[in-house]
């Protein structure tokens, strides 16, 4: 009898999956946003500034000023079930569990449900093997590595550890590229094709890339593979980086500046897709769909569209299924 059969006979699943995303405030209030941003911006993976210098700035200036402003932005995109990131992430977790037939838990690097809560849920369901799937196609120290840190911190305090596997990245996975291309094609079939397609990725400080973070190389590869899948000429598509924070130089070109330049060059209809985001969230629904749209129209553009993230689409669930099948071989 195989080991998998033995586990099944003991009413224990062969393995469990921990889906992880960044996280979100529990409520669209200044207090809720302040709690979330405090945990997020305290992470050394995100901000590596010396603590004695960074903490007074964070608590004395950034959080008091930004929390009320960001809370209003969240209020503009909030859904009945919470923030868009939470709503879509829960749908992903439920649909993936149904598709796989094994326990799937959801954990957030910051906020709730926590990674610890997700690991606890899988342990309570009898999972002695856990596959951690961070929903970041392109690896970065600020995202994927932060997930690893949190998982390690939780397990460090436990005597009995699960067998663990970790999906590092999937920026060039054929199913992921096909899902992106399919989402663009479907959008264009409904709304017509634009003059230009821009791939906007979340930015990171340039210094992180200079010190070895492969994130920009992964973003460039995703963009090139998507362009090939869509058969788009080089003069009709490019990439940029959004969500810039602070005075330090980040990866360039910046999305807002790129959008303004495209409008000034005569692009009348611009479509934007955000391949680094597995679900629509504040950065796509407010920053891109609202803020960047305004920039484009004020600079002379006429029509601006955000192509939705993959969210809980059947194609995206298939991507996750393929990743789980690939990384759980032998379990």
C-alpha atoms as a PDB file:
ATOM      1  CA  UNK A   1       0.000   0.000   0.000  1.00  0.00           C
ATOM      2  CA  UNK A   2       1.346   3.432  -0.929  1.00  0.00           C
ATOM      3  CA  UNK A   3       2.087   6.098   1.617  1.00  0.00           C
ATOM      4  CA  UNK A   4      -0.605   8.290   0.087  1.00  0.00           C
ATOM      5  CA  UNK A   5      -3.133   5.467   0.521  1.00  0.00           C
ATOM      6  CA  UNK A   6      -2.057   4.985   4.121  1.00  0.00           C
ATOM      7  CA  UNK A   7      -2.577   8.664   4.840  1.00  0.00           C
ATOM      8  CA  UNK A   8      -5.963   8.502   3.184  1.00  0.00           C
ATOM      9  CA  UNK A   9      -6.953   5.431   5.200  1.00  0.00           C
ATOM     10  CA  UNK A  10      -6.043   7.307   8.374  1.00  0.00           C
ATOM     11  CA  UNK A  11      -8.408  10.089   7.275  1.00  0.00           C
ATOM     12  CA  UNK A  12      -5.493  12.447   6.841  1.00  0.00           C
ATOM     13  CA  UNK A  13      -5.130  14.439   3.628  1.00  0.00           C
ATOM     14  CA  UNK A  14      -1.984  13.822   1.555  1.00  0.00           C
ATOM     15  CA  UNK A  15      -1.063  17.500   1.966  1.00  0.00           C
ATOM     16  CA  UNK A  16      -2.504  20.955   2.477  1.00  0.00           C
ATOM     17  CA  UNK A  17      -1.972  24.250   0.662  1.00  0.00           C
ATOM     18  CA  UNK A  18      -1.360  27.616   2.294  1.00  0.00           C
ATOM     19  CA  UNK A  19      -2.290  30.443  -0.073  1.00  0.00           C
ATOM     20  CA  UNK A  20      -0.595  33.689   0.942  1.00  0.00           C
ATOM     21  CA  UNK A  21      -1.123  37.276  -0.134  1.00  0.00           C
ATOM     22  CA  UNK A  22       0.090  40.575   1.278  1.00  0.00           C
ATOM     23  CA  UNK A  23      -2.869  41.454   3.469  1.00  0.00           C
ATOM     24  CA  UNK A  24      -5.337  44.253   3.981  1.00  0.00           C
ATOM     25  CA  UNK A  25      -6.870  46.383   6.734  1.00  0.00           C
ATOM     26  CA  UNK A  26      -9.784  44.738   8.545  1.00  0.00           C
ATOM     27  CA  UNK A  27     -11.780  47.926   8.211  1.00  0.00           C
ATOM     28  CA  UNK A  28     -11.632  51.029   6.042  1.00  0.00           C
ATOM     29  CA  UNK A  29     -10.999  53.391   8.940  1.00  0.00           C
ATOM     30  CA  UNK A  30      -7.926  55.415   9.937  1.00  0.00           C
ATOM     31  CA  UNK A  31      -7.420  53.103  12.934  1.00  0.00           C
ATOM     32  CA  UNK A  32      -7.707  49.954  10.800  1.00  0.00           C
ATOM     33  CA  UNK A  33      -5.339  51.294   8.162  1.00  0.00           C
ATOM     34  CA  UNK A  34      -2.879  52.475  10.812  1.00  0.00           C
ATOM     35  CA  UNK A  35      -2.708  48.980  12.370  1.00  0.00           C
ATOM     36  CA  UNK A  36      -2.125  47.371   8.992  1.00  0.00           C
ATOM     37  CA  UNK A  37       0.460  49.874   7.744  1.00  0.00           C
ATOM     38  CA  UNK A  38       2.320  49.713  11.049  1.00  0.00           C
ATOM     39  CA  UNK A  39       2.822  45.950  10.762  1.00  0.00           C
ATOM     40  CA  UNK A  40       3.626  46.161   7.048  1.00  0.00           C
ATOM     41  CA  UNK A  41       6.139  49.008   7.281  1.00  0.00           C
ATOM     42  CA  UNK A  42       7.879  47.504  10.314  1.00  0.00           C
ATOM     43  CA  UNK A  43       9.051  44.539   8.246  1.00  0.00           C
ATOM     44  CA  UNK A  44      12.781  44.721   7.507  1.00  0.00           C
ATOM     45  CA  UNK A  45      12.120  43.047   4.149  1.00  0.00           C
ATOM     46  CA  UNK A  46       9.972  46.019   3.134  1.00  0.00           C
ATOM     47  CA  UNK A  47      11.904  48.884   4.749  1.00  0.00           C
ATOM     48  CA  UNK A  48      15.486  48.064   5.728  1.00  0.00           C
ATOM     49  CA  UNK A  49      16.286  51.433   7.288  1.00  0.00           C
ATOM     50  CA  UNK A  50      17.913  51.399  10.745  1.00  0.00           C
ATOM     51  CA  UNK A  51      15.097  51.020  13.301  1.00  0.00           C
ATOM     52  CA  UNK A  52      16.118  53.900  15.585  1.00  0.00           C
ATOM     53  CA  UNK A  53      15.899  56.194  12.574  1.00  0.00           C
ATOM     54  CA  UNK A  54      12.877  54.656  10.852  1.00  0.00           C
ATOM     55  CA  UNK A  55      10.478  54.103  13.773  1.00  0.00           C
ATOM     56  CA  UNK A  56      10.197  57.767  14.837  1.00  0.00           C
ATOM     57  CA  UNK A  57       9.538  58.733  11.213  1.00  0.00           C
ATOM     58  CA  UNK A  58       6.987  55.950  10.801  1.00  0.00           C
ATOM     59  CA  UNK A  59       5.046  56.606  14.000  1.00  0.00           C
ATOM     60  CA  UNK A  60       5.580  60.335  14.218  1.00  0.00           C
ATOM     61  CA  UNK A  61       4.968  61.359  10.623  1.00  0.00           C
ATOM     62  CA  UNK A  62       3.970  58.647   8.144  1.00  0.00           C
ATOM     63  CA  UNK A  63       1.216  56.793  10.006  1.00  0.00           C
ATOM     64  CA  UNK A  64      -0.577  59.870  11.409  1.00  0.00           C
ATOM     65  CA  UNK A  65      -0.542  61.570   8.003  1.00  0.00           C
ATOM     66  CA  UNK A  66      -1.123  58.620   5.670  1.00  0.00           C
ATOM     67  CA  UNK A  67      -3.642  56.536   7.619  1.00  0.00           C
ATOM     68  CA  UNK A  68      -6.600  58.955   7.253  1.00  0.00           C
ATOM     69  CA  UNK A  69      -5.809  59.532   3.563  1.00  0.00           C
ATOM     70  CA  UNK A  70      -5.419  55.854   2.758  1.00  0.00           C
ATOM     71  CA  UNK A  71      -8.589  55.026   4.708  1.00  0.00           C
ATOM     72  CA  UNK A  72     -10.578  57.285   2.377  1.00  0.00           C
ATOM     73  CA  UNK A  73      -9.057  55.519  -0.629  1.00  0.00           C
ATOM     74  CA  UNK A  74     -10.037  52.131   0.792  1.00  0.00           C
ATOM     75  CA  UNK A  75     -13.562  53.398   1.385  1.00  0.00           C
ATOM     76  CA  UNK A  76     -13.818  54.198  -2.324  1.00  0.00           C
ATOM     77  CA  UNK A  77     -13.159  50.566  -3.346  1.00  0.00           C
ATOM     78  CA  UNK A  78     -14.557  48.664  -0.318  1.00  0.00           C
ATOM     79  CA  UNK A  79     -16.882  45.755  -1.121  1.00  0.00           C
ATOM     80  CA  UNK A  80     -19.696  44.131   0.870  1.00  0.00           C
ATOM     81  CA  UNK A  81     -17.371  41.380   2.080  1.00  0.00           C
ATOM     82  CA  UNK A  82     -14.464  43.671   2.925  1.00  0.00           C
ATOM     83  CA  UNK A  83     -11.553  44.948   0.883  1.00  0.00           C
ATOM     84  CA  UNK A  84     -11.314  43.657  -2.708  1.00  0.00           C
ATOM     85  CA  UNK A  85      -8.076  41.833  -1.882  1.00  0.00           C
ATOM     86  CA  UNK A  86      -9.796  39.901   0.899  1.00  0.00           C
ATOM     87  CA  UNK A  87     -12.960  39.173  -1.065  1.00  0.00           C
ATOM     88  CA  UNK A  88     -11.106  37.795  -4.093  1.00  0.00           C
ATOM     89  CA  UNK A  89      -8.554  35.921  -1.964  1.00  0.00           C
ATOM     90  CA  UNK A  90     -11.318  34.096  -0.089  1.00  0.00           C
ATOM     91  CA  UNK A  91     -12.950  33.155  -3.372  1.00  0.00           C
ATOM     92  CA  UNK A  92      -9.615  31.824  -4.634  1.00  0.00           C
ATOM     93  CA  UNK A  93      -9.147  29.749  -1.490  1.00  0.00           C
ATOM     94  CA  UNK A  94     -12.643  28.250  -1.706  1.00  0.00           C
ATOM     95  CA  UNK A  95     -12.461  27.459  -5.405  1.00  0.00           C
ATOM     96  CA  UNK A  96      -8.962  25.994  -5.222  1.00  0.00           C
ATOM     97  CA  UNK A  97      -9.961  23.727  -2.315  1.00  0.00           C
ATOM     98  CA  UNK A  98     -12.916  22.494  -4.344  1.00  0.00           C
ATOM     99  CA  UNK A  99     -10.756  21.898  -7.411  1.00  0.00           C
ATOM    100  CA  UNK A 100      -7.958  20.097  -5.557  1.00  0.00           C
ATOM    101  CA  UNK A 101      -9.926  18.094  -3.040  1.00  0.00           C
ATOM    102  CA  UNK A 102      -7.361  18.845  -0.282  1.00  0.00           C
ATOM    103  CA  UNK A 103      -7.388  21.448   2.509  1.00  0.00           C
ATOM    104  CA  UNK A 104      -6.516  24.972   1.379  1.00  0.00           C
ATOM    105  CA  UNK A 105      -6.024  27.712   3.956  1.00  0.00           C
ATOM    106  CA  UNK A 106      -5.582  31.438   3.453  1.00  0.00           C
ATOM    107  CA  UNK A 107      -2.925  33.443   5.258  1.00  0.00           C
ATOM    108  CA  UNK A 108      -1.839  37.062   4.975  1.00  0.00           C
ATOM    109  CA  UNK A 109       1.704  38.267   5.554  1.00  0.00           C
ATOM    110  CA  UNK A 110       0.251  41.246   7.422  1.00  0.00           C
ATOM    111  CA  UNK A 111      -3.119  41.519   9.106  1.00  0.00           C
ATOM    112  CA  UNK A 112      -5.650  38.714   9.313  1.00  0.00           C
ATOM    113  CA  UNK A 113      -6.087  35.873   8.722  1.00  0.00           C
ATOM    114  CA  UNK A 114      -2.437  35.517   9.648  1.00  0.00           C
ATOM    115  CA  UNK A 115       0.010  32.977   8.278  1.00  0.00           C
ATOM    116  CA  UNK A 116       0.024  31.422  11.745  1.00  0.00           C
ATOM    117  CA  UNK A 117      -3.754  31.030  11.633  1.00  0.00           C
ATOM    118  CA  UNK A 118      -3.512  29.424   8.198  1.00  0.00           C
ATOM    119  CA  UNK A 119      -0.880  26.931   9.352  1.00  0.00           C
ATOM    120  CA  UNK A 120      -2.957  26.167  12.450  1.00  0.00           C
ATOM    121  CA  UNK A 121      -5.990  25.483  10.274  1.00  0.00           C
ATOM    122  CA  UNK A 122      -4.056  23.015   8.123  1.00  0.00           C
ATOM    123  CA  UNK A 123      -2.634  21.277  11.200  1.00  0.00           C
ATOM    124  CA  UNK A 124      -6.120  20.917  12.688  1.00  0.00           C
ATOM    125  CA  UNK A 125      -7.218  19.293   9.422  1.00  0.00           C
ATOM    126  CA  UNK A 126      -4.480  16.697   9.759  1.00  0.00           C
ATOM    127  CA  UNK A 127      -2.042  18.080   7.179  1.00  0.00           C
ATOM    128  CA  UNK A 128       1.447  16.750   7.861  1.00  0.00           C
ATOM    129  CA  UNK A 129       2.708  18.178   4.585  1.00  0.00           C
ATOM    130  CA  UNK A 130       2.193  21.800   3.564  1.00  0.00           C
ATOM    131  CA  UNK A 131       2.795  23.545   0.258  1.00  0.00           C
ATOM    132  CA  UNK A 132       3.142  27.314   0.695  1.00  0.00           C
ATOM    133  CA  UNK A 133       1.951  29.206  -2.383  1.00  0.00           C
ATOM    134  CA  UNK A 134       2.658  32.956  -2.195  1.00  0.00           C
ATOM    135  CA  UNK A 135       0.540  34.624  -4.854  1.00  0.00           C
ATOM    136  CA  UNK A 136       3.405  36.709  -6.224  1.00  0.00           C
ATOM    137  CA  UNK A 137       4.333  35.553  -9.737  1.00  0.00           C
ATOM    138  CA  UNK A 138       7.537  37.595  -9.703  1.00  0.00           C
ATOM    139  CA  UNK A 139       9.842  36.957  -6.738  1.00  0.00           C
ATOM    140  CA  UNK A 140      10.951  39.856  -4.547  1.00  0.00           C
ATOM    141  CA  UNK A 141      12.558  40.119  -1.145  1.00  0.00           C
ATOM    142  CA  UNK A 142       9.724  42.511  -0.245  1.00  0.00           C
ATOM    143  CA  UNK A 143       6.969  39.970  -0.900  1.00  0.00           C
ATOM    144  CA  UNK A 144       7.907  36.312  -1.390  1.00  0.00           C
ATOM    145  CA  UNK A 145      10.859  36.399   1.012  1.00  0.00           C
ATOM    146  CA  UNK A 146       8.689  38.132   3.613  1.00  0.00           C
ATOM    147  CA  UNK A 147       6.275  35.182   3.430  1.00  0.00           C
ATOM    148  CA  UNK A 148       9.146  32.753   4.003  1.00  0.00           C
ATOM    149  CA  UNK A 149      10.252  34.768   7.036  1.00  0.00           C
ATOM    150  CA  UNK A 150       6.775  34.661   8.577  1.00  0.00           C
ATOM    151  CA  UNK A 151       6.380  30.918   7.980  1.00  0.00           C
ATOM    152  CA  UNK A 152       9.799  30.263   9.505  1.00  0.00           C
ATOM    153  CA  UNK A 153       9.009  32.458  12.524  1.00  0.00           C
ATOM    154  CA  UNK A 154       5.772  30.577  13.198  1.00  0.00           C
ATOM    155  CA  UNK A 155       7.319  27.130  12.842  1.00  0.00           C
ATOM    156  CA  UNK A 156      10.380  28.056  14.908  1.00  0.00           C
ATOM    157  CA  UNK A 157       8.224  27.940  18.037  1.00  0.00           C
ATOM    158  CA  UNK A 158       6.797  24.480  17.295  1.00  0.00           C
ATOM    159  CA  UNK A 159       8.189  21.111  18.287  1.00  0.00           C
ATOM    160  CA  UNK A 160       6.440  19.137  15.526  1.00  0.00           C
ATOM    161  CA  UNK A 161       6.998  20.602  12.071  1.00  0.00           C
ATOM    162  CA  UNK A 162       5.138  19.717   8.876  1.00  0.00           C
ATOM    163  CA  UNK A 163       7.048  18.670   5.790  1.00  0.00           C
ATOM    164  CA  UNK A 164       7.253  21.929   3.908  1.00  0.00           C
ATOM    165  CA  UNK A 165       7.550  23.007   0.282  1.00  0.00           C
ATOM    166  CA  UNK A 166       7.566  26.582  -0.984  1.00  0.00           C
ATOM    167  CA  UNK A 167       6.707  28.039  -4.408  1.00  0.00           C
ATOM    168  CA  UNK A 168       9.336  30.701  -5.027  1.00  0.00           C
ATOM    169  CA  UNK A 169       7.955  32.253  -8.228  1.00  0.00           C
ATOM    170  CA  UNK A 170       5.985  31.475 -11.385  1.00  0.00           C
ATOM    171  CA  UNK A 171       6.568  34.552 -13.540  1.00  0.00           C
ATOM    172  CA  UNK A 172       7.310  32.435 -16.633  1.00  0.00           C
ATOM    173  CA  UNK A 173       4.935  29.531 -16.051  1.00  0.00           C
ATOM    174  CA  UNK A 174       3.111  28.723 -19.323  1.00  0.00           C
ATOM    175  CA  UNK A 175      -0.294  28.536 -17.643  1.00  0.00           C
ATOM    176  CA  UNK A 176       0.226  31.911 -15.969  1.00  0.00           C
ATOM    177  CA  UNK A 177       1.246  33.586 -19.237  1.00  0.00           C
ATOM    178  CA  UNK A 178      -1.688  31.933 -21.015  1.00  0.00           C
ATOM    179  CA  UNK A 179      -4.087  33.186 -18.334  1.00  0.00           C
ATOM    180  CA  UNK A 180      -2.779  36.742 -18.663  1.00  0.00           C
ATOM    181  CA  UNK A 181      -3.016  36.616 -22.454  1.00  0.00           C
ATOM    182  CA  UNK A 182      -6.509  35.162 -22.245  1.00  0.00           C
ATOM    183  CA  UNK A 183      -7.673  37.923 -19.922  1.00  0.00           C
ATOM    184  CA  UNK A 184      -6.354  40.587 -22.316  1.00  0.00           C
ATOM    185  CA  UNK A 185      -7.915  38.896 -25.340  1.00  0.00           C
ATOM    186  CA  UNK A 186     -11.277  38.510 -23.603  1.00  0.00           C
ATOM    187  CA  UNK A 187     -11.237  42.166 -22.573  1.00  0.00           C
ATOM    188  CA  UNK A 188     -10.443  43.300 -26.099  1.00  0.00           C
ATOM    189  CA  UNK A 189     -13.172  41.121 -27.578  1.00  0.00           C
ATOM    190  CA  UNK A 190     -15.659  42.976 -25.393  1.00  0.00           C
ATOM    191  CA  UNK A 191     -14.219  46.495 -25.599  1.00  0.00           C
ATOM    192  CA  UNK A 192     -12.080  46.606 -28.739  1.00  0.00           C
ATOM    193  CA  UNK A 193      -8.300  46.966 -28.935  1.00  0.00           C
ATOM    194  CA  UNK A 194      -6.399  50.024 -27.615  1.00  0.00           C
ATOM    195  CA  UNK A 195      -3.646  52.049 -29.208  1.00  0.00           C
ATOM    196  CA  UNK A 196      -1.252  50.835 -26.525  1.00  0.00           C
ATOM    197  CA  UNK A 197      -0.959  48.250 -23.728  1.00  0.00           C
ATOM    198  CA  UNK A 198       1.016  49.062 -20.581  1.00  0.00           C
ATOM    199  CA  UNK A 199       2.071  46.440 -18.026  1.00  0.00           C
ATOM    200  CA  UNK A 200       2.312  48.132 -14.630  1.00  0.00           C
ATOM    201  CA  UNK A 201       4.153  46.313 -11.826  1.00  0.00           C
ATOM    202  CA  UNK A 202       4.442  47.254  -8.173  1.00  0.00           C
ATOM    203  CA  UNK A 203       7.753  49.034  -7.689  1.00  0.00           C
ATOM    204  CA  UNK A 204      10.605  48.357  -5.284  1.00  0.00           C
ATOM    205  CA  UNK A 205      13.604  50.548  -4.395  1.00  0.00           C
ATOM    206  CA  UNK A 206      16.253  50.346  -7.114  1.00  0.00           C
ATOM    207  CA  UNK A 207      18.819  49.634  -4.415  1.00  0.00           C
ATOM    208  CA  UNK A 208      17.147  46.303  -3.650  1.00  0.00           C
ATOM    209  CA  UNK A 209      17.563  45.209  -7.272  1.00  0.00           C
ATOM    210  CA  UNK A 210      21.160  46.466  -7.306  1.00  0.00           C
ATOM    211  CA  UNK A 211      21.788  44.242  -4.275  1.00  0.00           C
ATOM    212  CA  UNK A 212      20.496  41.106  -5.972  1.00  0.00           C
ATOM    213  CA  UNK A 213      16.689  41.126  -5.922  1.00  0.00           C
ATOM    214  CA  UNK A 214      15.708  39.487  -9.257  1.00  0.00           C
ATOM    215  CA  UNK A 215      12.293  41.143  -9.334  1.00  0.00           C
ATOM    216  CA  UNK A 216      12.872  43.478 -12.334  1.00  0.00           C
ATOM    217  CA  UNK A 217      14.246  40.599 -14.416  1.00  0.00           C
ATOM    218  CA  UNK A 218      11.137  38.564 -13.634  1.00  0.00           C
ATOM    219  CA  UNK A 219       8.872  41.487 -14.568  1.00  0.00           C
ATOM    220  CA  UNK A 220      10.734  41.994 -17.838  1.00  0.00           C
ATOM    221  CA  UNK A 221      10.448  38.303 -18.684  1.00  0.00           C
ATOM    222  CA  UNK A 222       6.711  38.237 -17.945  1.00  0.00           C
ATOM    223  CA  UNK A 223       6.177  41.286 -20.150  1.00  0.00           C
ATOM    224  CA  UNK A 224       8.191  39.813 -23.024  1.00  0.00           C
ATOM    225  CA  UNK A 225       6.351  36.487 -22.836  1.00  0.00           C
ATOM    226  CA  UNK A 226       2.954  38.214 -22.683  1.00  0.00           C
ATOM    227  CA  UNK A 227       3.839  40.356 -25.693  1.00  0.00           C
ATOM    228  CA  UNK A 228       4.836  37.226 -27.611  1.00  0.00           C
ATOM    229  CA  UNK A 229       1.628  35.437 -26.637  1.00  0.00           C
ATOM    230  CA  UNK A 230      -0.449  38.413 -27.805  1.00  0.00           C
ATOM    231  CA  UNK A 231       1.728  39.043 -30.886  1.00  0.00           C
ATOM    232  CA  UNK A 232       1.950  42.756 -30.029  1.00  0.00           C
ATOM    233  CA  UNK A 233       4.568  44.911 -31.805  1.00  0.00           C
ATOM    234  CA  UNK A 234       7.243  46.479 -29.592  1.00  0.00           C
ATOM    235  CA  UNK A 235       5.956  49.981 -30.287  1.00  0.00           C
ATOM    236  CA  UNK A 236       2.491  49.073 -28.956  1.00  0.00           C
ATOM    237  CA  UNK A 237       3.415  47.748 -25.508  1.00  0.00           C
ATOM    238  CA  UNK A 238       5.823  48.427 -22.635  1.00  0.00           C
ATOM    239  CA  UNK A 239       6.142  48.125 -18.858  1.00  0.00           C
ATOM    240  CA  UNK A 240       6.484  50.436 -15.858  1.00  0.00           C
ATOM    241  CA  UNK A 241       6.473  50.467 -12.054  1.00  0.00           C
ATOM    242  CA  UNK A 242       3.818  51.944  -9.780  1.00  0.00           C
ATOM    243  CA  UNK A 243       3.150  52.599  -6.066  1.00  0.00           C
ATOM    244  CA  UNK A 244       6.337  54.589  -5.497  1.00  0.00           C
ATOM    245  CA  UNK A 245       6.900  55.583  -1.862  1.00  0.00           C
ATOM    246  CA  UNK A 246       9.392  57.963  -0.263  1.00  0.00           C
ATOM    247  CA  UNK A 247      12.249  59.941  -1.784  1.00  0.00           C
ATOM    248  CA  UNK A 248      14.561  57.070  -2.647  1.00  0.00           C
ATOM    249  CA  UNK A 249      14.928  56.100  -6.310  1.00  0.00           C
ATOM    250  CA  UNK A 250      12.747  53.129  -7.262  1.00  0.00           C
ATOM    251  CA  UNK A 251      12.718  50.954 -10.350  1.00  0.00           C
ATOM    252  CA  UNK A 252      11.964  52.961 -13.485  1.00  0.00           C
ATOM    253  CA  UNK A 253      10.139  53.944 -15.598  1.00  0.00           C
ATOM    254  CA  UNK A 254       7.430  55.096 -13.219  1.00  0.00           C
ATOM    255  CA  UNK A 255       3.858  54.300 -14.249  1.00  0.00           C
ATOM    256  CA  UNK A 256       2.362  57.760 -13.767  1.00  0.00           C
ATOM    257  CA  UNK A 257       5.108  59.469 -15.772  1.00  0.00           C
ATOM    258  CA  UNK A 258       4.872  56.823 -18.495  1.00  0.00           C
ATOM    259  CA  UNK A 259       1.124  57.278 -18.808  1.00  0.00           C
ATOM    260  CA  UNK A 260       1.495  61.042 -19.088  1.00  0.00           C
ATOM    261  CA  UNK A 261       4.181  60.670 -21.778  1.00  0.00           C
ATOM    262  CA  UNK A 262       2.055  58.233 -23.792  1.00  0.00           C
ATOM    263  CA  UNK A 263      -0.850  60.679 -23.839  1.00  0.00           C
ATOM    264  CA  UNK A 264       1.448  63.526 -24.861  1.00  0.00           C
ATOM    265  CA  UNK A 265       2.796  61.387 -27.717  1.00  0.00           C
ATOM    266  CA  UNK A 266      -0.691  60.999 -29.150  1.00  0.00           C
ATOM    267  CA  UNK A 267      -1.916  57.714 -27.669  1.00  0.00           C
ATOM    268  CA  UNK A 268      -5.677  58.140 -27.480  1.00  0.00           C
ATOM    269  CA  UNK A 269      -6.745  54.859 -25.895  1.00  0.00           C
ATOM    270  CA  UNK A 270      -4.571  53.188 -23.287  1.00  0.00           C
ATOM    271  CA  UNK A 271      -5.200  49.848 -21.569  1.00  0.00           C
ATOM    272  CA  UNK A 272      -3.254  48.911 -18.440  1.00  0.00           C
ATOM    273  CA  UNK A 273      -2.757  45.438 -16.971  1.00  0.00           C
ATOM    274  CA  UNK A 274      -1.064  44.720 -13.623  1.00  0.00           C
ATOM    275  CA  UNK A 275       0.539  41.256 -13.915  1.00  0.00           C
ATOM    276  CA  UNK A 276       2.240  41.295 -10.490  1.00  0.00           C
ATOM    277  CA  UNK A 277      -1.098  41.511  -8.656  1.00  0.00           C
ATOM    278  CA  UNK A 278      -2.991  38.239  -8.276  1.00  0.00           C
ATOM    279  CA  UNK A 279      -6.167  40.081  -7.258  1.00  0.00           C
ATOM    280  CA  UNK A 280      -7.544  43.548  -7.745  1.00  0.00           C
ATOM    281  CA  UNK A 281      -6.831  45.751  -4.753  1.00  0.00           C
ATOM    282  CA  UNK A 282      -6.284  49.362  -3.754  1.00  0.00           C
ATOM    283  CA  UNK A 283      -3.241  49.638  -6.028  1.00  0.00           C
ATOM    284  CA  UNK A 284      -5.177  48.577  -9.115  1.00  0.00           C
ATOM    285  CA  UNK A 285      -8.723  49.799  -8.470  1.00  0.00           C
ATOM    286  CA  UNK A 286      -7.833  53.190  -7.029  1.00  0.00           C
ATOM    287  CA  UNK A 287      -4.238  54.015  -8.004  1.00  0.00           C
ATOM    288  CA  UNK A 288      -4.498  52.785 -11.603  1.00  0.00           C
ATOM    289  CA  UNK A 289      -8.187  52.788 -12.532  1.00  0.00           C
ATOM    290  CA  UNK A 290      -8.881  56.157 -10.894  1.00  0.00           C
ATOM    291  CA  UNK A 291      -5.651  58.081 -10.335  1.00  0.00           C
ATOM    292  CA  UNK A 292      -3.787  57.099 -13.494  1.00  0.00           C
ATOM    293  CA  UNK A 293      -6.908  57.442 -15.587  1.00  0.00           C
ATOM    294  CA  UNK A 294      -7.153  61.053 -14.452  1.00  0.00           C
ATOM    295  CA  UNK A 295      -3.490  61.640 -15.322  1.00  0.00           C
ATOM    296  CA  UNK A 296      -3.978  60.168 -18.801  1.00  0.00           C
ATOM    297  CA  UNK A 297      -7.084  62.212 -19.618  1.00  0.00           C
ATOM    298  CA  UNK A 298      -5.570  65.451 -18.311  1.00  0.00           C
ATOM    299  CA  UNK A 299      -2.509  64.875 -20.520  1.00  0.00           C
ATOM    300  CA  UNK A 300      -4.640  64.580 -23.667  1.00  0.00           C
ATOM    301  CA  UNK A 301      -5.710  60.942 -23.736  1.00  0.00           C
ATOM    302  CA  UNK A 302      -9.302  60.054 -24.536  1.00  0.00           C
ATOM    303  CA  UNK A 303      -9.996  56.547 -23.209  1.00  0.00           C
ATOM    304  CA  UNK A 304      -8.341  54.622 -20.375  1.00  0.00           C
ATOM    305  CA  UNK A 305      -9.079  51.075 -19.210  1.00  0.00           C
ATOM    306  CA  UNK A 306      -7.785  48.835 -16.437  1.00  0.00           C
ATOM    307  CA  UNK A 307      -7.813  45.194 -17.500  1.00  0.00           C
ATOM    308  CA  UNK A 308      -8.894  43.336 -14.335  1.00  0.00           C
ATOM    309  CA  UNK A 309      -6.477  41.094 -12.480  1.00  0.00           C
ATOM    310  CA  UNK A 310      -6.917  37.346 -12.831  1.00  0.00           C
ATOM    311  CA  UNK A 311      -8.762  37.301  -9.485  1.00  0.00           C
ATOM    312  CA  UNK A 312     -10.851  34.129  -9.073  1.00  0.00           C
ATOM    313  CA  UNK A 313     -11.298  33.464 -12.796  1.00  0.00           C
ATOM    314  CA  UNK A 314     -11.339  29.797 -13.883  1.00  0.00           C
ATOM    315  CA  UNK A 315      -8.059  30.345 -15.747  1.00  0.00           C
ATOM    316  CA  UNK A 316      -6.382  31.617 -12.579  1.00  0.00           C
ATOM    317  CA  UNK A 317      -7.613  28.685 -10.510  1.00  0.00           C
ATOM    318  CA  UNK A 318      -6.168  26.429 -13.216  1.00  0.00           C
ATOM    319  CA  UNK A 319      -2.806  28.197 -12.836  1.00  0.00           C
ATOM    320  CA  UNK A 320      -2.861  27.442  -9.118  1.00  0.00           C
ATOM    321  CA  UNK A 321      -3.874  23.825  -9.729  1.00  0.00           C
ATOM    322  CA  UNK A 322      -0.919  23.372 -12.095  1.00  0.00           C
ATOM    323  CA  UNK A 323       1.482  24.945  -9.613  1.00  0.00           C
ATOM    324  CA  UNK A 324       0.238  22.721  -6.803  1.00  0.00           C
ATOM    325  CA  UNK A 325       0.466  19.609  -8.992  1.00  0.00           C
ATOM    326  CA  UNK A 326       4.006  20.515 -10.017  1.00  0.00           C
ATOM    327  CA  UNK A 327       5.261  21.225  -6.503  1.00  0.00           C
ATOM    328  CA  UNK A 328       3.444  18.424  -4.685  1.00  0.00           C
ATOM    329  CA  UNK A 329       4.800  15.567  -6.772  1.00  0.00           C
ATOM    330  CA  UNK A 330       5.501  12.522  -4.620  1.00  0.00           C
ATOM    331  CA  UNK A 331       3.013  13.579  -1.938  1.00  0.00           C
END
